[in-house]
């Protein structure tokens, strides 16, 4: 959880670098704070890094809370040898949409917000455990956890609420 500051970008990229065990391709949006953050986090560890910058029109937005219309995108290779056809932010954008649609606390102008960051983080964790271990997806016909070979059967809601929270 963080804002679009340099500090948040550095913490996020440090976490990503820690989790990678082999060279991978990384694509970020056009936030220039990622340029330094990726360099700091990955250092000598090789990464194929590109940015996908959205190009917006100059005319005003269509509504009070809407950005100007996106006219296109620009793929920029930053370091390494990112494969052009894999420079995309579609997967994370889809995940963000799923999260926004599944949790009211991410919808604008709602009263379902979290007053404490700790509660917010726990709500996100609960959402993703449900999404990956309990909910059977129509296209997969199983849960993502079963499809990935992590479990043999869907978790029940009873089992979900019995999970330890790490909070004492």
Protein backbone atom coordinates (compact mmCIF):
# COMPACT_ATOMS: atom_id res chain seq x y z
CA UNK A 1 0.00 0.00 0.00
CA UNK A 2 1.41 3.34 -0.91
CA UNK A 3 1.05 6.51 -2.88
CA UNK A 4 2.90 7.46 -6.06
CA UNK A 5 5.88 8.91 -4.18
CA UNK A 6 9.54 8.01 -4.69
CA UNK A 7 9.58 6.33 -1.26
CA UNK A 8 6.64 4.06 -2.15
CA UNK A 9 8.16 3.25 -5.55
CA UNK A 10 11.47 2.32 -3.89
CA UNK A 11 9.80 0.10 -1.28
CA UNK A 12 7.62 -1.60 -3.88
CA UNK A 13 10.49 -2.31 -6.30
CA UNK A 14 12.70 -3.56 -3.45
CA UNK A 15 9.94 -6.05 -2.58
CA UNK A 16 9.58 -7.12 -6.24
CA UNK A 17 13.36 -7.66 -6.57
CA UNK A 18 13.42 -9.69 -3.34
CA UNK A 19 10.73 -12.05 -4.67
CA UNK A 20 12.32 -12.72 -8.07
CA UNK A 21 14.65 -15.71 -8.28
CA UNK A 22 15.59 -15.37 -11.94
CA UNK A 23 15.67 -12.71 -14.62
CA UNK A 24 12.27 -11.42 -15.61
CA UNK A 25 10.54 -8.73 -17.60
CA UNK A 26 9.08 -5.79 -15.74
CA UNK A 27 6.67 -3.19 -17.10
CA UNK A 28 5.53 -0.11 -15.19
CA UNK A 29 3.35 2.82 -16.09
CA UNK A 30 4.92 6.14 -17.02
CA UNK A 31 5.60 7.25 -13.42
CA UNK A 32 9.23 8.41 -13.65
CA UNK A 33 9.83 7.54 -10.01
CA UNK A 34 10.04 3.91 -11.12
CA UNK A 35 13.15 4.63 -13.21
CA UNK A 36 15.35 5.24 -10.16
CA UNK A 37 13.46 2.73 -7.99
CA UNK A 38 14.08 -0.15 -10.43
CA UNK A 39 17.75 0.78 -10.73
CA UNK A 40 18.16 0.89 -6.93
CA UNK A 41 16.21 -2.31 -6.26
CA UNK A 42 17.67 -4.54 -8.94
CA UNK A 43 21.22 -3.18 -9.04
CA UNK A 44 23.43 -5.79 -10.70
CA UNK A 45 20.56 -8.28 -10.92
CA UNK A 46 19.54 -8.17 -14.53
CA UNK A 47 15.97 -7.24 -15.36
CA UNK A 48 14.32 -6.44 -18.66
CA UNK A 49 12.51 -3.21 -17.84
CA UNK A 50 10.11 -1.16 -19.95
CA UNK A 51 7.54 1.54 -19.37
CA UNK A 52 4.12 1.82 -20.96
CA UNK A 53 3.21 5.49 -21.12
CA UNK A 54 -0.37 6.52 -21.85
CA UNK A 55 -0.90 9.44 -24.21
CA UNK A 56 -3.86 11.60 -23.20
CA UNK A 57 -5.81 14.09 -25.27
CA UNK A 58 -5.62 17.77 -24.48
CA UNK A 59 -9.37 18.35 -24.17
CA UNK A 60 -11.07 18.19 -20.80
CA UNK A 61 -12.38 15.07 -19.15
CA UNK A 62 -15.81 13.59 -19.75
CA UNK A 63 -16.82 14.00 -16.13
CA UNK A 64 -15.85 15.41 -12.79
CA UNK A 65 -13.74 12.42 -11.71
CA UNK A 66 -12.58 11.23 -15.12
CA UNK A 67 -9.14 11.84 -16.67
CA UNK A 68 -8.88 13.06 -20.25
CA UNK A 69 -9.42 10.43 -22.95
CA UNK A 70 -6.46 8.10 -23.57
CA UNK A 71 -5.43 8.51 -27.21
CA UNK A 72 -2.81 5.74 -27.26
CA UNK A 73 0.27 4.31 -25.61
CA UNK A 74 4.02 4.47 -26.07
CA UNK A 75 6.29 1.51 -25.23
CA UNK A 76 9.71 2.58 -23.95
CA UNK A 77 12.55 0.11 -23.39
CA UNK A 78 14.51 1.23 -20.32
CA UNK A 79 17.06 -1.49 -19.49
CA UNK A 80 17.87 -4.98 -20.68
CA UNK A 81 16.02 -6.48 -23.61
CA UNK A 82 12.27 -6.40 -22.89
CA UNK A 83 10.18 -8.18 -25.51
CA UNK A 84 7.97 -5.62 -27.24
CA UNK A 85 4.92 -7.90 -27.37
CA UNK A 86 5.07 -8.41 -23.59
CA UNK A 87 5.27 -4.73 -22.63
CA UNK A 88 1.85 -4.44 -21.02
CA UNK A 89 0.14 -3.40 -17.81
CA UNK A 90 -3.09 -5.25 -18.68
CA UNK A 91 -2.72 -7.99 -16.04
CA UNK A 92 -2.29 -5.59 -13.13
CA UNK A 93 -4.98 -3.26 -14.49
CA UNK A 94 -7.40 -6.23 -14.62
CA UNK A 95 -6.42 -7.20 -11.07
CA UNK A 96 -7.01 -3.62 -9.90
CA UNK A 97 -10.45 -3.59 -11.56
CA UNK A 98 -11.37 -6.91 -9.94
CA UNK A 99 -10.32 -5.54 -6.57
CA UNK A 100 -12.25 -2.26 -7.06
CA UNK A 101 -15.37 -4.11 -8.13
CA UNK A 102 -15.09 -6.66 -5.32
CA UNK A 103 -14.48 -4.24 -2.45
CA UNK A 104 -16.53 -1.12 -1.86
CA UNK A 105 -13.65 0.55 -0.02
CA UNK A 106 -11.97 1.13 -3.41
CA UNK A 107 -14.97 2.78 -5.04
CA UNK A 108 -14.96 6.56 -5.08
CA UNK A 109 -17.40 8.46 -2.91
CA UNK A 110 -18.36 5.51 -0.74
CA UNK A 111 -18.83 5.11 2.98
CA UNK A 112 -17.11 1.69 2.92
CA UNK A 113 -13.64 3.10 3.51
CA UNK A 114 -11.10 1.94 6.11
CA UNK A 115 -10.21 4.35 8.89
CA UNK A 116 -7.03 2.42 9.76
CA UNK A 117 -4.35 1.28 7.30
CA UNK A 118 -4.09 -2.05 9.15
CA UNK A 119 -7.78 -2.76 8.52
CA UNK A 120 -7.39 -1.76 4.90
CA UNK A 121 -4.49 -4.18 4.39
CA UNK A 122 -6.38 -6.99 6.12
CA UNK A 123 -9.43 -6.38 3.91
CA UNK A 124 -7.24 -6.66 0.81
CA UNK A 125 -5.66 -9.87 2.09
CA UNK A 126 -9.12 -11.33 2.82
CA UNK A 127 -10.30 -10.40 -0.68
CA UNK A 128 -7.38 -12.16 -2.36
CA UNK A 129 -7.56 -15.29 -0.20
CA UNK A 130 -11.26 -15.55 -1.07
CA UNK A 131 -10.61 -14.79 -4.76
CA UNK A 132 -7.82 -17.36 -5.11
CA UNK A 133 -8.75 -20.13 -2.66
CA UNK A 134 -12.56 -20.06 -2.18
CA UNK A 135 -14.21 -18.65 -5.33
CA UNK A 136 -14.57 -21.08 -8.23
CA UNK A 137 -13.92 -19.13 -11.44
CA UNK A 138 -16.26 -19.79 -14.34
CA UNK A 139 -13.52 -19.94 -16.98
CA UNK A 140 -11.26 -22.23 -14.93
CA UNK A 141 -14.11 -24.26 -13.36
CA UNK A 142 -11.90 -24.41 -10.25
CA UNK A 143 -10.19 -21.89 -7.97
CA UNK A 144 -6.91 -20.30 -9.14
CA UNK A 145 -5.16 -22.07 -6.25
CA UNK A 146 -6.31 -25.47 -7.54
CA UNK A 147 -5.33 -24.53 -11.10
CA UNK A 148 -1.84 -23.56 -9.85
CA UNK A 149 -1.51 -26.88 -7.98
CA UNK A 150 -1.46 -25.25 -4.52
CA UNK A 151 -4.53 -27.07 -3.19
CA UNK A 152 -6.70 -30.02 -4.17
CA UNK A 153 -10.13 -28.58 -3.29
CA UNK A 154 -11.71 -25.15 -2.77
CA UNK A 155 -11.48 -23.70 0.72
CA UNK A 156 -14.84 -23.27 2.44
CA UNK A 157 -15.94 -19.99 4.01
CA UNK A 158 -15.79 -21.74 7.37
CA UNK A 159 -12.13 -22.62 6.75
CA UNK A 160 -11.45 -19.06 5.60
CA UNK A 161 -12.73 -17.45 8.79
CA UNK A 162 -10.70 -19.96 10.86
CA UNK A 163 -7.40 -18.85 9.29
CA UNK A 164 -4.96 -17.14 11.65
CA UNK A 165 -4.63 -13.41 11.00
CA UNK A 166 -1.18 -12.91 12.50
CA UNK A 167 -2.81 -10.34 14.80
CA UNK A 168 -2.65 -10.96 18.55
